Amino acid sequence: MKKSGCAILVLFVAVCASMFANLVLFAALMGFQGSSQVAAIRVTKPKAFEELVERDSSSADKIVVIPVEGVIAHGAPGPLGDNMVDDFKNALQQAKDDPAVKGIVLSVDSPGGEITASDVLYNSLKEFSKVKPSVIYFNSIGASGAYYTACGASYIMCNSTTFTGSIGVIISTLNYRELFGKVGLQSVVFKSGAFKDMLNGAREMTPEEKAYIEGLVMQSYGRFVGIVSKARGVDEQVLRSGVADGRILSGQDAYEAKLVDQLGYIEDAYTKAAELGKSPDAQIVRYKRTVTLGSFLRMFGEASAKAPTVKVDLLQTMPHLQPGRVYLLPPFFAP
């Protein structure tokens, strides 16, 4: 009986202590709400990309370097993450939202890629350039879709030895009709319309199909040339009858054709961006991928799931063009 009474007493004391603590907390909260000196809690959105300082200075201003590397395509991995198009847009947004960023330099090493992905990058860069200055720097190569993207920048630079230009559009497919015949295979297609299988490699294309595909290519080409003409201030007909025939240009030739504003090195691009941003002493920082616990575990899981293989691919750095997709790529990438 005594033990039961003690237990009840202990429980009563614990309940009273809990109620007292709650009352104290409530009073404190009411006091904070009534005080005009307490600042509101501000929740800041975490930055998508870390900043690696490349050139430090005493200034708080920043020029951000954003890398653009590889074939431009939706869903393709890039230097900033698993989706280069979305990562590019997020990097621009982070630079736009940061008041310390006075301008950006896009460090490009890309032969181009899908036309729609290139157009998205171009439009995103054009909108950014209305707010803050942007400088494109082509390293070894900045051609076709990469040049398309660059037309949204405030300023374009490259080395005299850079490969650029390649203003043109390409759709590719493979014809394996004769191969099928040799191995005894035959393609059987049920289609709802005459053009539904127009890129079927198991048969020859009809003249009507060829004309239709050519029309699609020229439609995209017209948009490409129009964008270049407006961005560079060069007459469209001059471009069509000149360098806009798909040819690759050296940086020197591109400069003479008014496709780039200046020849130089990446350090010159930093200086130009700081000049346009009116902050000559700004520090140079490079965005890099943020490795989170989730992304680390995902990469570890993907690596563990892959069986060990030995692969010999002499063309592993070349983009694999998919039939039916519209690309902005140099001619030497065509099959």
C-alpha atoms as a PDB file:
ATOM      1  CA  MET A   1       0.000   0.000   0.000  1.00  0.00           C
ATOM      2  CA  LYS A   2       2.834   2.311   0.875  1.00  0.00           C
ATOM      3  CA  LYS A   3       4.553   1.567  -2.442  1.00  0.00           C
ATOM      4  CA  SER A   4       1.380   2.402  -4.339  1.00  0.00           C
ATOM      5  CA  GLY A   5       1.044   5.707  -2.485  1.00  0.00           C
ATOM      6  CA  CYS A   6       4.644   6.652  -3.258  1.00  0.00           C
ATOM      7  CA  ALA A   7       4.158   5.907  -6.941  1.00  0.00           C
ATOM      8  CA  ILE A   8       1.074   8.110  -7.060  1.00  0.00           C
ATOM      9  CA  LEU A   9       2.981  10.924  -5.312  1.00  0.00           C
ATOM     10  CA  VAL A  10       5.894  10.697  -7.762  1.00  0.00           C
ATOM     11  CA  LEU A  11       3.503  10.737 -10.727  1.00  0.00           C
ATOM     12  CA  PHE A  12       1.692  13.782  -9.298  1.00  0.00           C
ATOM     13  CA  VAL A  13       4.979  15.683  -8.849  1.00  0.00           C
ATOM     14  CA  ALA A  14       6.061  14.814 -12.422  1.00  0.00           C
ATOM     15  CA  VAL A  15       2.758  16.059 -13.869  1.00  0.00           C
ATOM     16  CA  CYS A  16       3.025  19.316 -11.903  1.00  0.00           C
ATOM     17  CA  ALA A  17       6.604  19.855 -13.067  1.00  0.00           C
ATOM     18  CA  SER A  18       5.581  19.271 -16.676  1.00  0.00           C
ATOM     19  CA  MET A  19       2.703  21.733 -16.409  1.00  0.00           C
ATOM     20  CA  PHE A  20       4.993  24.329 -14.846  1.00  0.00           C
ATOM     21  CA  ALA A  21       7.567  23.936 -17.606  1.00  0.00           C
ATOM     22  CA  ASN A  22       4.863  24.353 -20.238  1.00  0.00           C
ATOM     23  CA  LEU A  23       3.586  27.509 -18.569  1.00  0.00           C
ATOM     24  CA  VAL A  24       7.096  28.986 -18.482  1.00  0.00           C
ATOM     25  CA  LEU A  25       7.594  28.178 -22.166  1.00  0.00           C
ATOM     26  CA  PHE A  26       4.233  29.687 -23.078  1.00  0.00           C
ATOM     27  CA  ALA A  27       5.011  32.886 -21.155  1.00  0.00           C
ATOM     28  CA  ALA A  28       8.385  33.161 -22.858  1.00  0.00           C
ATOM     29  CA  LEU A  29       6.832  32.776 -26.295  1.00  0.00           C
ATOM     30  CA  MET A  30       4.195  35.419 -25.523  1.00  0.00           C
ATOM     31  CA  GLY A  31       6.926  37.740 -24.356  1.00  0.00           C
ATOM     32  CA  PHE A  32       8.893  37.231 -27.568  1.00  0.00           C
ATOM     33  CA  GLN A  33       5.839  37.942 -29.694  1.00  0.00           C
ATOM     34  CA  GLY A  34       5.194  41.149 -27.825  1.00  0.00           C
ATOM     35  CA  SER A  35       8.742  42.371 -28.163  1.00  0.00           C
ATOM     36  CA  SER A  36       9.551  44.474 -31.233  1.00  0.00           C
ATOM     37  CA  GLN A  37      13.250  43.750 -30.877  1.00  0.00           C
ATOM     38  CA  VAL A  38      13.038  40.084 -31.839  1.00  0.00           C
ATOM     39  CA  ALA A  39      13.890  39.536 -35.530  1.00  0.00           C
ATOM     40  CA  ALA A  40      11.792  37.182 -37.640  1.00  0.00           C
ATOM     41  CA  ILE A  41      13.258  33.769 -38.344  1.00  0.00           C
ATOM     42  CA  ARG A  42      14.567  33.613 -41.929  1.00  0.00           C
ATOM     43  CA  VAL A  43      14.807  30.294 -43.669  1.00  0.00           C
ATOM     44  CA  THR A  44      17.435  30.391 -46.421  1.00  0.00           C
ATOM     45  CA  LYS A  45      17.355  28.042 -49.373  1.00  0.00           C
ATOM     46  CA  PRO A  46      20.501  25.881 -49.509  1.00  0.00           C
ATOM     47  CA  LYS A  47      22.800  26.596 -52.426  1.00  0.00           C
ATOM     48  CA  ALA A  48      22.693  24.029 -55.190  1.00  0.00           C
ATOM     49  CA  PHE A  49      26.407  24.418 -55.939  1.00  0.00           C
ATOM     50  CA  GLU A  50      29.494  24.967 -53.830  1.00  0.00           C
ATOM     51  CA  GLU A  51      31.985  27.695 -54.671  1.00  0.00           C
ATOM     52  CA  LEU A  52      35.624  26.908 -55.297  1.00  0.00           C
ATOM     53  CA  VAL A  53      37.791  30.038 -55.149  1.00  0.00           C
ATOM     54  CA  GLU A  54      40.098  30.276 -58.175  1.00  0.00           C
ATOM     55  CA  ARG A  55      41.358  33.810 -57.680  1.00  0.00           C
ATOM     56  CA  ASP A  56      40.981  35.397 -54.253  1.00  0.00           C
ATOM     57  CA  SER A  57      40.832  39.084 -53.459  1.00  0.00           C
ATOM     58  CA  SER A  58      39.829  41.415 -50.663  1.00  0.00           C
ATOM     59  CA  SER A  59      36.608  42.285 -52.506  1.00  0.00           C
ATOM     60  CA  ALA A  60      33.323  40.661 -51.526  1.00  0.00           C
ATOM     61  CA  ASP A  61      32.162  40.793 -55.143  1.00  0.00           C
ATOM     62  CA  LYS A  62      32.304  37.612 -57.202  1.00  0.00           C
ATOM     63  CA  ILE A  63      32.619  36.547 -60.812  1.00  0.00           C
ATOM     64  CA  VAL A  64      31.241  33.023 -61.109  1.00  0.00           C
ATOM     65  CA  VAL A  65      32.667  30.450 -63.527  1.00  0.00           C
ATOM     66  CA  ILE A  66      30.097  27.909 -64.722  1.00  0.00           C
ATOM     67  CA  PRO A  67      31.418  24.915 -66.715  1.00  0.00           C
ATOM     68  CA  VAL A  68      29.549  23.610 -69.785  1.00  0.00           C
ATOM     69  CA  GLU A  69      31.131  20.382 -71.023  1.00  0.00           C
ATOM     70  CA  GLY A  70      30.148  17.482 -73.244  1.00  0.00           C
ATOM     71  CA  VAL A  71      27.211  16.911 -75.571  1.00  0.00           C
ATOM     72  CA  ILE A  72      24.235  19.121 -74.738  1.00  0.00           C
ATOM     73  CA  ALA A  73      21.182  16.931 -74.151  1.00  0.00           C
ATOM     74  CA  HIS A  74      18.197  16.608 -71.845  1.00  0.00           C
ATOM     75  CA  GLY A  75      18.848  14.065 -69.111  1.00  0.00           C
ATOM     76  CA  ALA A  76      22.550  13.838 -69.911  1.00  0.00           C
ATOM     77  CA  PRO A  77      25.068  14.174 -67.050  1.00  0.00           C
ATOM     78  CA  GLY A  78      27.295  17.218 -66.980  1.00  0.00           C
ATOM     79  CA  PRO A  79      30.054  18.743 -64.856  1.00  0.00           C
ATOM     80  CA  LEU A  80      27.532  20.045 -62.320  1.00  0.00           C
ATOM     81  CA  GLY A  81      25.339  16.965 -61.894  1.00  0.00           C
ATOM     82  CA  ASP A  82      23.153  14.310 -63.455  1.00  0.00           C
ATOM     83  CA  ASN A  83      21.102  16.609 -65.715  1.00  0.00           C
ATOM     84  CA  MET A  84      23.153  19.229 -67.495  1.00  0.00           C
ATOM     85  CA  VAL A  85      20.159  21.287 -68.709  1.00  0.00           C
ATOM     86  CA  ASP A  86      18.506  21.578 -65.288  1.00  0.00           C
ATOM     87  CA  ASP A  87      21.879  22.063 -63.592  1.00  0.00           C
ATOM     88  CA  PHE A  88      22.724  24.881 -66.001  1.00  0.00           C
ATOM     89  CA  LYS A  89      19.442  26.648 -65.246  1.00  0.00           C
ATOM     90  CA  ASN A  90      19.911  26.167 -61.487  1.00  0.00           C
ATOM     91  CA  ALA A  91      23.450  27.559 -61.665  1.00  0.00           C
ATOM     92  CA  LEU A  92      22.203  30.666 -63.457  1.00  0.00           C
ATOM     93  CA  GLN A  93      19.458  31.095 -60.869  1.00  0.00           C
ATOM     94  CA  GLN A  94      21.931  30.809 -57.988  1.00  0.00           C
ATOM     95  CA  ALA A  95      24.186  33.419 -59.605  1.00  0.00           C
ATOM     96  CA  LYS A  96      21.217  35.696 -60.265  1.00  0.00           C
ATOM     97  CA  ASP A  97      19.940  35.460 -56.683  1.00  0.00           C
ATOM     98  CA  ASP A  98      23.371  36.119 -55.107  1.00  0.00           C
ATOM     99  CA  PRO A  99      23.832  39.919 -54.796  1.00  0.00           C
ATOM    100  CA  ALA A 100      27.611  39.473 -54.526  1.00  0.00           C
ATOM    101  CA  VAL A 101      27.786  37.970 -58.031  1.00  0.00           C
ATOM    102  CA  LYS A 102      28.514  40.754 -60.530  1.00  0.00           C
ATOM    103  CA  GLY A 103      28.838  38.577 -63.623  1.00  0.00           C
ATOM    104  CA  ILE A 104      29.517  35.079 -64.903  1.00  0.00           C
ATOM    105  CA  VAL A 105      31.917  33.303 -67.245  1.00  0.00           C
ATOM    106  CA  LEU A 106      30.702  30.174 -69.014  1.00  0.00           C
ATOM    107  CA  SER A 107      33.730  27.952 -69.607  1.00  0.00           C
ATOM    108  CA  VAL A 108      32.636  25.844 -72.595  1.00  0.00           C
ATOM    109  CA  ASP A 109      34.060  22.649 -74.065  1.00  0.00           C
ATOM    110  CA  SER A 110      31.221  21.208 -76.138  1.00  0.00           C
ATOM    111  CA  PRO A 111      30.617  20.168 -79.757  1.00  0.00           C
ATOM    112  CA  GLY A 112      26.924  20.976 -79.415  1.00  0.00           C
ATOM    113  CA  GLY A 113      24.028  18.566 -79.090  1.00  0.00           C
ATOM    114  CA  GLU A 114      20.257  18.371 -79.258  1.00  0.00           C
ATOM    115  CA  ILE A 115      18.569  21.411 -80.745  1.00  0.00           C
ATOM    116  CA  THR A 116      15.852  21.696 -78.094  1.00  0.00           C
ATOM    117  CA  ALA A 117      18.312  21.367 -75.208  1.00  0.00           C
ATOM    118  CA  SER A 118      20.570  23.972 -76.850  1.00  0.00           C
ATOM    119  CA  ASP A 119      17.598  26.297 -77.283  1.00  0.00           C
ATOM    120  CA  VAL A 120      16.695  25.966 -73.594  1.00  0.00           C
ATOM    121  CA  LEU A 121      20.268  26.850 -72.587  1.00  0.00           C
ATOM    122  CA  TYR A 122      20.284  29.786 -75.014  1.00  0.00           C
ATOM    123  CA  ASN A 123      16.995  31.196 -73.706  1.00  0.00           C
ATOM    124  CA  SER A 124      18.022  30.778 -70.053  1.00  0.00           C
ATOM    125  CA  LEU A 125      21.305  32.564 -70.708  1.00  0.00           C
ATOM    126  CA  LYS A 126      19.600  35.346 -72.660  1.00  0.00           C
ATOM    127  CA  GLU A 127      17.210  36.003 -69.762  1.00  0.00           C
ATOM    128  CA  PHE A 128      20.097  35.994 -67.265  1.00  0.00           C
ATOM    129  CA  SER A 129      22.063  38.460 -69.419  1.00  0.00           C
ATOM    130  CA  LYS A 130      19.243  40.990 -69.071  1.00  0.00           C
ATOM    131  CA  VAL A 131      20.047  41.168 -65.348  1.00  0.00           C
ATOM    132  CA  LYS A 132      23.794  40.523 -65.080  1.00  0.00           C
ATOM    133  CA  PRO A 133      26.600  40.370 -67.670  1.00  0.00           C
ATOM    134  CA  SER A 134      27.693  36.984 -69.033  1.00  0.00           C
ATOM    135  CA  VAL A 135      30.847  36.078 -70.946  1.00  0.00           C
ATOM    136  CA  ILE A 136      31.187  32.891 -72.996  1.00  0.00           C
ATOM    137  CA  TYR A 137      34.662  31.403 -73.319  1.00  0.00           C
ATOM    138  CA  PHE A 138      35.180  28.534 -75.761  1.00  0.00           C
ATOM    139  CA  ASN A 139      38.143  26.368 -74.808  1.00  0.00           C
ATOM    140  CA  SER A 140      39.084  23.603 -77.279  1.00  0.00           C
ATOM    141  CA  ILE A 141      35.666  23.472 -78.950  1.00  0.00           C
ATOM    142  CA  GLY A 142      32.450  25.454 -78.821  1.00  0.00           C
ATOM    143  CA  ALA A 143      30.549  24.529 -81.958  1.00  0.00           C
ATOM    144  CA  SER A 144      27.012  24.184 -83.281  1.00  0.00           C
ATOM    145  CA  GLY A 145      24.653  23.791 -80.274  1.00  0.00           C
ATOM    146  CA  ALA A 146      27.303  25.301 -78.005  1.00  0.00           C
ATOM    147  CA  TYR A 147      27.532  28.310 -80.316  1.00  0.00           C
ATOM    148  CA  TYR A 148      23.719  28.459 -80.408  1.00  0.00           C
ATOM    149  CA  THR A 149      23.789  28.700 -76.588  1.00  0.00           C
ATOM    150  CA  ALA A 150      26.491  31.379 -76.694  1.00  0.00           C
ATOM    151  CA  CYS A 151      24.219  33.712 -78.664  1.00  0.00           C
ATOM    152  CA  GLY A 152      22.405  34.413 -75.396  1.00  0.00           C
ATOM    153  CA  ALA A 153      25.549  35.824 -73.759  1.00  0.00           C
ATOM    154  CA  SER A 154      26.668  39.435 -73.401  1.00  0.00           C
ATOM    155  CA  TYR A 155      30.115  38.725 -74.850  1.00  0.00           C
ATOM    156  CA  ILE A 156      31.804  35.814 -76.680  1.00  0.00           C
ATOM    157  CA  MET A 157      35.515  34.957 -76.466  1.00  0.00           C
ATOM    158  CA  CYS A 158      37.752  32.084 -77.522  1.00  0.00           C
ATOM    159  CA  ASN A 159      41.326  31.158 -78.332  1.00  0.00           C
ATOM    160  CA  SER A 160      42.600  31.626 -81.886  1.00  0.00           C
ATOM    161  CA  THR A 161      43.009  27.832 -82.100  1.00  0.00           C
ATOM    162  CA  THR A 162      39.506  27.010 -80.836  1.00  0.00           C
ATOM    163  CA  PHE A 163      37.089  25.089 -83.064  1.00  0.00           C
ATOM    164  CA  THR A 164      33.769  26.930 -83.263  1.00  0.00           C
ATOM    165  CA  GLY A 165      31.021  27.830 -85.709  1.00  0.00           C
ATOM    166  CA  SER A 166      29.408  24.814 -87.392  1.00  0.00           C
ATOM    167  CA  ILE A 167      26.108  26.655 -87.828  1.00  0.00           C
ATOM    168  CA  GLY A 168      23.920  23.881 -89.136  1.00  0.00           C
ATOM    169  CA  VAL A 169      21.372  21.152 -88.308  1.00  0.00           C
ATOM    170  CA  ILE A 170      21.545  17.387 -88.803  1.00  0.00           C
ATOM    171  CA  ILE A 171      19.158  14.425 -88.541  1.00  0.00           C
ATOM    172  CA  SER A 172      20.700  11.008 -89.043  1.00  0.00           C
ATOM    173  CA  THR A 173      19.483   7.453 -89.527  1.00  0.00           C
ATOM    174  CA  LEU A 174      20.958   4.156 -90.699  1.00  0.00           C
ATOM    175  CA  ASN A 175      19.835   2.119 -93.705  1.00  0.00           C
ATOM    176  CA  TYR A 176      20.362  -1.605 -93.140  1.00  0.00           C
ATOM    177  CA  ARG A 177      18.028  -2.960 -95.842  1.00  0.00           C
ATOM    178  CA  GLU A 178      20.760  -4.851 -97.659  1.00  0.00           C
ATOM    179  CA  LEU A 179      22.136  -6.274 -94.407  1.00  0.00           C
ATOM    180  CA  PHE A 180      18.689  -7.615 -93.523  1.00  0.00           C
ATOM    181  CA  GLY A 181      18.521  -9.295 -96.906  1.00  0.00           C
ATOM    182  CA  LYS A 182      21.862 -11.018 -96.378  1.00  0.00           C
ATOM    183  CA  VAL A 183      20.907 -12.504 -93.022  1.00  0.00           C
ATOM    184  CA  GLY A 184      17.329 -13.362 -94.024  1.00  0.00           C
ATOM    185  CA  LEU A 185      15.498 -10.785 -91.919  1.00  0.00           C
ATOM    186  CA  GLN A 186      12.532  -8.694 -92.985  1.00  0.00           C
ATOM    187  CA  SER A 187      10.932  -5.709 -91.266  1.00  0.00           C
ATOM    188  CA  VAL A 188       7.138  -5.858 -90.921  1.00  0.00           C
ATOM    189  CA  VAL A 189       5.488  -2.524 -90.020  1.00  0.00           C
ATOM    190  CA  PHE A 190       1.829  -1.667 -89.396  1.00  0.00           C
ATOM    191  CA  LYS A 191       1.357   2.102 -89.525  1.00  0.00           C
ATOM    192  CA  SER A 192      -1.457   4.626 -89.326  1.00  0.00           C
ATOM    193  CA  GLY A 193      -0.068   6.998 -91.943  1.00  0.00           C
ATOM    194  CA  ALA A 194       2.369   7.215 -94.837  1.00  0.00           C
ATOM    195  CA  PHE A 195       5.017   9.083 -92.816  1.00  0.00           C
ATOM    196  CA  LYS A 196       4.812   7.119 -89.559  1.00  0.00           C
ATOM    197  CA  ASP A 197       7.937   5.039 -90.270  1.00  0.00           C
ATOM    198  CA  MET A 198       9.772   7.459 -92.516  1.00  0.00           C
ATOM    199  CA  LEU A 199      13.111   6.816 -90.760  1.00  0.00           C
ATOM    200  CA  ASN A 200      12.783   3.055 -90.945  1.00  0.00           C
ATOM    201  CA  GLY A 201      16.247   1.808 -91.858  1.00  0.00           C
ATOM    202  CA  ALA A 202      14.906  -1.470 -93.259  1.00  0.00           C
ATOM    203  CA  ARG A 203      13.746   0.199 -96.471  1.00  0.00           C
ATOM    204  CA  GLU A 204      14.592   3.081 -98.776  1.00  0.00           C
ATOM    205  CA  MET A 205      13.045   6.469 -98.026  1.00  0.00           C
ATOM    206  CA  THR A 206      10.514   7.782-100.502  1.00  0.00           C
ATOM    207  CA  PRO A 207      11.111  11.154-102.241  1.00  0.00           C
ATOM    208  CA  GLU A 208       8.211  12.608-100.237  1.00  0.00           C
ATOM    209  CA  GLU A 209       9.776  11.491 -96.963  1.00  0.00           C
ATOM    210  CA  LYS A 210      13.153  12.941 -97.901  1.00  0.00           C
ATOM    211  CA  ALA A 211      11.516  16.264 -98.780  1.00  0.00           C
ATOM    212  CA  TYR A 212       9.632  16.330 -95.488  1.00  0.00           C
ATOM    213  CA  ILE A 213      12.732  15.610 -93.390  1.00  0.00           C
ATOM    214  CA  GLU A 214      14.693  18.224 -95.318  1.00  0.00           C
ATOM    215  CA  GLY A 215      11.922  20.727 -94.557  1.00  0.00           C
ATOM    216  CA  LEU A 216      12.195  20.004 -90.833  1.00  0.00           C
ATOM    217  CA  VAL A 217      15.959  20.445 -90.952  1.00  0.00           C
ATOM    218  CA  MET A 218      15.722  23.743 -92.830  1.00  0.00           C
ATOM    219  CA  GLN A 219      13.065  25.030 -90.429  1.00  0.00           C
ATOM    220  CA  SER A 220      15.408  24.462 -87.477  1.00  0.00           C
ATOM    221  CA  TYR A 221      18.312  25.850 -89.472  1.00  0.00           C
ATOM    222  CA  GLY A 222      16.349  29.017 -90.189  1.00  0.00           C
ATOM    223  CA  ARG A 223      15.801  29.590 -86.485  1.00  0.00           C
ATOM    224  CA  PHE A 224      19.492  28.966 -85.762  1.00  0.00           C
ATOM    225  CA  VAL A 225      20.692  31.410 -88.410  1.00  0.00           C
ATOM    226  CA  GLY A 226      18.132  34.009 -87.337  1.00  0.00           C
ATOM    227  CA  ILE A 227      19.352  33.849 -83.735  1.00  0.00           C
ATOM    228  CA  VAL A 228      22.992  34.188 -84.822  1.00  0.00           C
ATOM    229  CA  SER A 229      22.134  37.101 -87.123  1.00  0.00           C
ATOM    230  CA  LYS A 230      20.336  39.011 -84.379  1.00  0.00           C
ATOM    231  CA  ALA A 231      22.909  38.270 -81.673  1.00  0.00           C
ATOM    232  CA  ARG A 232      25.955  39.103 -83.790  1.00  0.00           C
ATOM    233  CA  GLY A 233      24.534  41.907 -85.909  1.00  0.00           C
ATOM    234  CA  VAL A 234      25.386  40.129 -89.169  1.00  0.00           C
ATOM    235  CA  ASP A 235      22.957  40.072 -92.105  1.00  0.00           C
ATOM    236  CA  GLU A 236      21.215  36.686 -92.344  1.00  0.00           C
ATOM    237  CA  GLN A 237      21.790  36.333 -96.086  1.00  0.00           C
ATOM    238  CA  VAL A 238      25.474  37.047 -95.591  1.00  0.00           C
ATOM    239  CA  LEU A 239      25.580  34.221 -93.066  1.00  0.00           C
ATOM    240  CA  ARG A 240      23.636  31.802 -95.285  1.00  0.00           C
ATOM    241  CA  SER A 241      25.900  32.419 -98.243  1.00  0.00           C
ATOM    242  CA  GLY A 242      29.031  32.374 -96.101  1.00  0.00           C
ATOM    243  CA  VAL A 243      30.076  30.727 -92.854  1.00  0.00           C
ATOM    244  CA  ALA A 244      26.631  29.400 -91.865  1.00  0.00           C
ATOM    245  CA  ASP A 245      26.939  26.336 -94.086  1.00  0.00           C
ATOM    246  CA  GLY A 246      27.919  23.927 -91.311  1.00  0.00           C
ATOM    247  CA  ARG A 247      31.661  24.473 -91.583  1.00  0.00           C
ATOM    248  CA  ILE A 248      33.964  24.404 -88.585  1.00  0.00           C
ATOM    249  CA  LEU A 249      35.916  27.625 -88.033  1.00  0.00           C
ATOM    250  CA  SER A 250      39.088  28.350 -86.150  1.00  0.00           C
ATOM    251  CA  GLY A 251      38.852  31.025 -83.499  1.00  0.00           C
ATOM    252  CA  GLN A 252      40.763  33.397 -85.750  1.00  0.00           C
ATOM    253  CA  ASP A 253      38.355  32.858 -88.657  1.00  0.00           C
ATOM    254  CA  ALA A 254      35.354  33.173 -86.345  1.00  0.00           C
ATOM    255  CA  TYR A 255      36.694  36.497 -85.063  1.00  0.00           C
ATOM    256  CA  GLU A 256      37.120  37.798 -88.603  1.00  0.00           C
ATOM    257  CA  ALA A 257      33.582  36.651 -89.427  1.00  0.00           C
ATOM    258  CA  LYS A 258      32.271  38.553 -86.360  1.00  0.00           C
ATOM    259  CA  LEU A 259      31.093  35.394 -84.628  1.00  0.00           C
ATOM    260  CA  VAL A 260      33.215  36.171 -81.545  1.00  0.00           C
ATOM    261  CA  ASP A 261      34.065  39.475 -79.904  1.00  0.00           C
ATOM    262  CA  GLN A 262      37.615  38.821 -78.738  1.00  0.00           C
ATOM    263  CA  LEU A 263      40.457  36.321 -78.895  1.00  0.00           C
ATOM    264  CA  GLY A 264      42.367  35.446 -75.760  1.00  0.00           C
ATOM    265  CA  TYR A 265      42.621  33.127 -72.799  1.00  0.00           C
ATOM    266  CA  ILE A 266      40.263  32.213 -69.979  1.00  0.00           C
ATOM    267  CA  GLU A 267      41.934  34.803 -67.726  1.00  0.00           C
ATOM    268  CA  ASP A 268      40.967  37.458 -70.270  1.00  0.00           C
ATOM    269  CA  ALA A 269      37.362  36.284 -69.956  1.00  0.00           C
ATOM    270  CA  TYR A 270      37.562  36.756 -66.182  1.00  0.00           C
ATOM    271  CA  THR A 271      38.835  40.286 -66.671  1.00  0.00           C
ATOM    272  CA  LYS A 272      36.113  41.085 -69.196  1.00  0.00           C
ATOM    273  CA  ALA A 273      33.340  39.790 -66.949  1.00  0.00           C
ATOM    274  CA  ALA A 274      34.678  41.865 -64.042  1.00  0.00           C
ATOM    275  CA  GLU A 275      34.814  44.893 -66.335  1.00  0.00           C
ATOM    276  CA  LEU A 276      31.234  44.401 -67.537  1.00  0.00           C
ATOM    277  CA  GLY A 277      30.134  43.825 -63.947  1.00  0.00           C
ATOM    278  CA  LYS A 278      31.886  47.038 -62.881  1.00  0.00           C
ATOM    279  CA  SER A 279      33.895  45.208 -60.254  1.00  0.00           C
ATOM    280  CA  PRO A 280      37.522  44.937 -61.451  1.00  0.00           C
ATOM    281  CA  ASP A 281      38.739  43.534 -58.125  1.00  0.00           C
ATOM    282  CA  ALA A 282      36.098  40.801 -57.829  1.00  0.00           C
ATOM    283  CA  GLN A 283      37.235  37.349 -56.744  1.00  0.00           C
ATOM    284  CA  ILE A 284      36.827  34.470 -59.182  1.00  0.00           C
ATOM    285  CA  VAL A 285      34.840  31.470 -57.946  1.00  0.00           C
ATOM    286  CA  ARG A 286      33.834  28.308 -59.788  1.00  0.00           C
ATOM    287  CA  TYR A 287      30.598  26.466 -59.176  1.00  0.00           C
ATOM    288  CA  LYS A 288      31.057  22.783 -58.476  1.00  0.00           C
ATOM    289  CA  ARG A 289      28.701  19.941 -57.754  1.00  0.00           C
ATOM    290  CA  THR A 290      27.492  19.650 -54.169  1.00  0.00           C
ATOM    291  CA  VAL A 291      27.913  16.078 -52.936  1.00  0.00           C
ATOM    292  CA  THR A 292      25.099  15.238 -50.532  1.00  0.00           C
ATOM    293  CA  LEU A 293      24.615  12.053 -48.552  1.00  0.00           C
ATOM    294  CA  GLY A 294      21.800  11.057 -50.900  1.00  0.00           C
ATOM    295  CA  SER A 295      23.827  11.595 -54.070  1.00  0.00           C
ATOM    296  CA  PHE A 296      26.807   9.755 -52.545  1.00  0.00           C
ATOM    297  CA  LEU A 297      24.684   6.752 -51.639  1.00  0.00           C
ATOM    298  CA  ARG A 298      23.094   6.786 -55.103  1.00  0.00           C
ATOM    299  CA  MET A 299      26.479   6.832 -56.827  1.00  0.00           C
ATOM    300  CA  PHE A 300      27.719   4.075 -54.524  1.00  0.00           C
ATOM    301  CA  GLY A 301      24.643   1.988 -55.281  1.00  0.00           C
ATOM    302  CA  GLU A 302      25.029   2.451 -59.032  1.00  0.00           C
ATOM    303  CA  ALA A 303      28.694   1.481 -58.869  1.00  0.00           C
ATOM    304  CA  SER A 304      27.912  -1.611 -56.784  1.00  0.00           C
ATOM    305  CA  ALA A 305      25.143  -2.696 -59.156  1.00  0.00           C
ATOM    306  CA  LYS A 306      27.429  -2.722 -62.172  1.00  0.00           C
ATOM    307  CA  ALA A 307      29.166  -5.989 -62.933  1.00  0.00           C
ATOM    308  CA  PRO A 308      32.920  -5.689 -63.552  1.00  0.00           C
ATOM    309  CA  THR A 309      33.545  -5.532 -67.312  1.00  0.00           C
ATOM    310  CA  VAL A 310      36.403  -4.862 -69.666  1.00  0.00           C
ATOM    311  CA  LYS A 311      35.399  -2.478 -72.436  1.00  0.00           C
ATOM    312  CA  VAL A 312      37.448  -1.300 -75.371  1.00  0.00           C
ATOM    313  CA  ASP A 313      35.820   1.635 -77.148  1.00  0.00           C
ATOM    314  CA  LEU A 314      38.027   3.767 -79.339  1.00  0.00           C
ATOM    315  CA  LEU A 315      35.131   6.213 -79.817  1.00  0.00           C
ATOM    316  CA  GLN A 316      34.006   6.388 -76.195  1.00  0.00           C
ATOM    317  CA  THR A 317      34.386  10.172 -76.132  1.00  0.00           C
ATOM    318  CA  MET A 318      32.251  10.592 -79.265  1.00  0.00           C
ATOM    319  CA  PRO A 319      28.532  11.295 -78.856  1.00  0.00           C
ATOM    320  CA  HIS A 320      26.221   8.476 -79.894  1.00  0.00           C
ATOM    321  CA  LEU A 321      23.631  10.059 -82.186  1.00  0.00           C
ATOM    322  CA  GLN A 322      20.171   8.589 -81.840  1.00  0.00           C
ATOM    323  CA  PRO A 323      18.090   8.131 -85.000  1.00  0.00           C
ATOM    324  CA  GLY A 324      15.294  10.648 -85.410  1.00  0.00           C
ATOM    325  CA  ARG A 325      16.691  13.308 -83.082  1.00  0.00           C
ATOM    326  CA  VAL A 326      17.587  16.764 -84.363  1.00  0.00           C
ATOM    327  CA  TYR A 327      21.164  17.751 -83.522  1.00  0.00           C
ATOM    328  CA  LEU A 328      23.350  20.819 -83.756  1.00  0.00           C
ATOM    329  CA  LEU A 329      26.726  19.121 -84.201  1.00  0.00           C
ATOM    330  CA  PRO A 330      29.813  19.516 -86.400  1.00  0.00           C
ATOM    331  CA  PRO A 331      29.858  17.435 -89.614  1.00  0.00           C
ATOM    332  CA  PHE A 332      32.562  15.047 -88.378  1.00  0.00           C
ATOM    333  CA  PHE A 333      30.107  13.678 -85.789  1.00  0.00           C
ATOM    334  CA  ALA A 334      27.742  12.429 -88.502  1.00  0.00           C
ATOM    335  CA  PRO A 335      27.776   8.633 -89.084  1.00  0.00           C
END
